[in-house]
């Protein structure tokens, strides 16, 4: 099994390891959720 490391992955690794985990596991937040829009 090969894993491709992209520039986005490096950026997420530097900014937030949790965001990298979400990205690597193809988990996306629902950006249209009202609570996310309110910053909760």
PDB file of N, CA and C in Angstrom:
ATOM      1  N   UNK A   1       0.846  -1.180   0.000  1.00  0.00           N
ATOM      2  CA  UNK A   1       0.000   0.000   0.000  1.00  0.00           C
ATOM      3  C   UNK A   1       0.889   1.240   0.000  1.00  0.00           C
ATOM      4  N   UNK A   2       0.651   2.126  -0.937  1.00  0.00           N
ATOM      5  CA  UNK A   2       1.417   3.365  -0.992  1.00  0.00           C
ATOM      6  C   UNK A   2       0.525   4.534  -0.624  1.00  0.00           C
ATOM      7  N   UNK A   3       1.105   5.485   0.065  1.00  0.00           N
ATOM      8  CA  UNK A   3       0.382   6.679   0.477  1.00  0.00           C
ATOM      9  C   UNK A   3       1.051   7.869  -0.190  1.00  0.00           C
ATOM     10  N   UNK A   4       0.267   8.662  -0.886  1.00  0.00           N
ATOM     11  CA  UNK A   4       0.797   9.870  -1.513  1.00  0.00           C
ATOM     12  C   UNK A   4       0.675  11.022  -0.533  1.00  0.00           C
ATOM     13  N   UNK A   5       1.777  11.689  -0.288  1.00  0.00           N
ATOM     14  CA  UNK A   5       1.775  12.852   0.594  1.00  0.00           C
ATOM     15  C   UNK A   5       1.699  14.088  -0.288  1.00  0.00           C
ATOM     16  N   UNK A   6       0.643  14.859  -0.097  1.00  0.00           N
ATOM     17  CA  UNK A   6       0.422  16.044  -0.922  1.00  0.00           C
ATOM     18  C   UNK A   6       0.801  17.303  -0.148  1.00  0.00           C
ATOM     19  N   UNK A   7       0.863  18.404  -0.848  1.00  0.00           N
ATOM     20  CA  UNK A   7       1.143  19.681  -0.208  1.00  0.00           C
ATOM     21  C   UNK A   7       0.085  20.062   0.809  1.00  0.00           C
ATOM     22  N   UNK A   8      -1.161  19.717   0.519  1.00  0.00           N
ATOM     23  CA  UNK A   8      -2.256  20.005   1.452  1.00  0.00           C
ATOM     24  C   UNK A   8      -2.040  19.237   2.750  1.00  0.00           C
ATOM     25  N   UNK A   9      -1.591  17.992   2.639  1.00  0.00           N
ATOM     26  CA  UNK A   9      -1.332  17.191   3.837  1.00  0.00           C
ATOM     27  C   UNK A   9      -0.234  17.810   4.692  1.00  0.00           C
ATOM     28  N   UNK A  10       0.812  18.307   4.058  1.00  0.00           N
ATOM     29  CA  UNK A  10       1.895  18.956   4.802  1.00  0.00           C
ATOM     30  C   UNK A  10       1.373  20.208   5.493  1.00  0.00           C
ATOM     31  N   UNK A  11       0.553  20.984   4.794  1.00  0.00           N
ATOM     32  CA  UNK A  11      -0.026  22.194   5.379  1.00  0.00           C
ATOM     33  C   UNK A  11      -0.899  21.848   6.582  1.00  0.00           C
ATOM     34  N   UNK A  12      -1.758  20.843   6.450  1.00  0.00           N
ATOM     35  CA  UNK A  12      -2.600  20.423   7.569  1.00  0.00           C
ATOM     36  C   UNK A  12      -1.761  19.904   8.727  1.00  0.00           C
ATOM     37  N   UNK A  13      -0.666  19.193   8.426  1.00  0.00           N
ATOM     38  CA  UNK A  13       0.201  18.664   9.483  1.00  0.00           C
ATOM     39  C   UNK A  13       0.804  19.795  10.302  1.00  0.00           C
ATOM     40  N   UNK A  14       1.223  20.861   9.615  1.00  0.00           N
ATOM     41  CA  UNK A  14       1.820  22.000  10.322  1.00  0.00           C
ATOM     42  C   UNK A  14       0.772  22.783  11.101  1.00  0.00           C
ATOM     43  N   UNK A  15      -0.440  22.894  10.552  1.00  0.00           N
ATOM     44  CA  UNK A  15      -1.480  23.705  11.188  1.00  0.00           C
ATOM     45  C   UNK A  15      -2.222  22.941  12.278  1.00  0.00           C
ATOM     46  N   UNK A  16      -2.648  21.716  11.973  1.00  0.00           N
ATOM     47  CA  UNK A  16      -3.493  20.972  12.917  1.00  0.00           C
ATOM     48  C   UNK A  16      -3.481  19.492  12.547  1.00  0.00           C
ATOM     49  N   UNK A  17      -2.957  18.664  13.433  1.00  0.00           N
ATOM     50  CA  UNK A  17      -2.882  17.228  13.154  1.00  0.00           C
ATOM     51  C   UNK A  17      -4.266  16.609  12.998  1.00  0.00           C
ATOM     52  N   UNK A  18      -5.246  17.139  13.713  1.00  0.00           N
ATOM     53  CA  UNK A  18      -6.613  16.608  13.610  1.00  0.00           C
ATOM     54  C   UNK A  18      -7.176  16.852  12.212  1.00  0.00           C
ATOM     55  N   UNK A  19      -6.941  18.044  11.666  1.00  0.00           N
ATOM     56  CA  UNK A  19      -7.404  18.339  10.304  1.00  0.00           C
ATOM     57  C   UNK A  19      -6.764  17.379   9.304  1.00  0.00           C
ATOM     58  N   UNK A  20      -5.486  17.070   9.498  1.00  0.00           N
ATOM     59  CA  UNK A  20      -4.812  16.109   8.623  1.00  0.00           C
ATOM     60  C   UNK A  20      -5.487  14.750   8.711  1.00  0.00           C
ATOM     61  N   UNK A  21      -5.826  14.317   9.916  1.00  0.00           N
ATOM     62  CA  UNK A  21      -6.485  13.020  10.088  1.00  0.00           C
ATOM     63  C   UNK A  21      -7.829  13.010   9.368  1.00  0.00           C
ATOM     64  N   UNK A  22      -8.608  14.096   9.528  1.00  0.00           N
ATOM     65  CA  UNK A  22      -9.893  14.192   8.829  1.00  0.00           C
ATOM     66  C   UNK A  22      -9.691  14.116   7.314  1.00  0.00           C
ATOM     67  N   UNK A  23      -8.723  14.876   6.811  1.00  0.00           N
ATOM     68  CA  UNK A  23      -8.459  14.915   5.374  1.00  0.00           C
ATOM     69  C   UNK A  23      -8.024  13.541   4.861  1.00  0.00           C
ATOM     70  N   UNK A  24      -7.112  12.887   5.580  1.00  0.00           N
ATOM     71  CA  UNK A  24      -6.595  11.584   5.158  1.00  0.00           C
ATOM     72  C   UNK A  24      -7.683  10.514   5.171  1.00  0.00           C
ATOM     73  N   UNK A  25      -8.662  10.663   6.054  1.00  0.00           N
ATOM     74  CA  UNK A  25      -9.749   9.694   6.153  1.00  0.00           C
ATOM     75  C   UNK A  25     -10.999  10.138   5.400  1.00  0.00           C
ATOM     76  N   UNK A  26     -10.856  11.177   4.592  1.00  0.00           N
ATOM     77  CA  UNK A  26     -11.923  11.713   3.744  1.00  0.00           C
ATOM     78  C   UNK A  26     -13.170  12.067   4.541  1.00  0.00           C
ATOM     79  N   UNK A  27     -12.962  12.709   5.693  1.00  0.00           N
ATOM     80  CA  UNK A  27     -14.063  13.184   6.521  1.00  0.00           C
ATOM     81  C   UNK A  27     -14.123  14.698   6.356  1.00  0.00           C
ATOM     82  N   UNK A  28     -15.233  15.191   5.843  1.00  0.00           N
ATOM     83  CA  UNK A  28     -15.387  16.622   5.598  1.00  0.00           C
ATOM     84  C   UNK A  28     -16.492  17.186   6.474  1.00  0.00           C
ATOM     85  N   UNK A  29     -16.260  18.392   6.991  1.00  0.00           N
ATOM     86  CA  UNK A  29     -17.302  19.053   7.766  1.00  0.00           C
ATOM     87  C   UNK A  29     -18.383  19.550   6.815  1.00  0.00           C
ATOM     88  N   UNK A  30     -19.586  19.620   7.320  1.00  0.00           N
ATOM     89  CA  UNK A  30     -20.692  20.173   6.553  1.00  0.00           C
ATOM     90  C   UNK A  30     -20.624  21.691   6.699  1.00  0.00           C
ATOM     91  N   UNK A  31     -20.046  22.373   5.708  1.00  0.00           N
ATOM     92  CA  UNK A  31     -19.828  23.815   5.829  1.00  0.00           C
ATOM     93  C   UNK A  31     -21.124  24.610   5.782  1.00  0.00           C
ATOM     94  N   UNK A  32     -22.219  23.973   5.410  1.00  0.00           N
ATOM     95  CA  UNK A  32     -23.503  24.660   5.370  1.00  0.00           C
ATOM     96  C   UNK A  32     -24.266  24.547   6.682  1.00  0.00           C
ATOM     97  N   UNK A  33     -23.709  23.862   7.662  1.00  0.00           N
ATOM     98  CA  UNK A  33     -24.355  23.700   8.967  1.00  0.00           C
ATOM     99  C   UNK A  33     -24.424  25.054   9.670  1.00  0.00           C
ATOM    100  N   UNK A  34     -25.584  25.389  10.201  1.00  0.00           N
ATOM    101  CA  UNK A  34     -25.794  26.689  10.851  1.00  0.00           C
ATOM    102  C   UNK A  34     -24.850  26.892  12.030  1.00  0.00           C
ATOM    103  N   UNK A  35     -24.590  25.840  12.813  1.00  0.00           N
ATOM    104  CA  UNK A  35     -23.691  25.960  13.960  1.00  0.00           C
ATOM    105  C   UNK A  35     -22.261  26.276  13.534  1.00  0.00           C
ATOM    106  N   UNK A  36     -21.822  25.707  12.430  1.00  0.00           N
ATOM    107  CA  UNK A  36     -20.480  25.998  11.934  1.00  0.00           C
ATOM    108  C   UNK A  36     -20.416  27.440  11.446  1.00  0.00           C
ATOM    109  N   UNK A  37     -21.478  27.895  10.798  1.00  0.00           N
ATOM    110  CA  UNK A  37     -21.508  29.278  10.333  1.00  0.00           C
ATOM    111  C   UNK A  37     -21.457  30.261  11.497  1.00  0.00           C
ATOM    112  N   UNK A  38     -22.015  29.871  12.642  1.00  0.00           N
ATOM    113  CA  UNK A  38     -22.001  30.732  13.823  1.00  0.00           C
ATOM    114  C   UNK A  38     -20.670  30.665  14.567  1.00  0.00           C
ATOM    115  N   UNK A  39     -19.816  29.725  14.179  1.00  0.00           N
ATOM    116  CA  UNK A  39     -18.509  29.611  14.818  1.00  0.00           C
ATOM    117  C   UNK A  39     -18.510  28.746  16.058  1.00  0.00           C
ATOM    118  N   UNK A  40     -19.476  27.878  16.187  1.00  0.00           N
ATOM    119  CA  UNK A  40     -19.538  26.993  17.351  1.00  0.00           C
ATOM    120  C   UNK A  40     -18.787  25.738  17.105  1.00  0.00           C
TER     121      UNK A  40
END
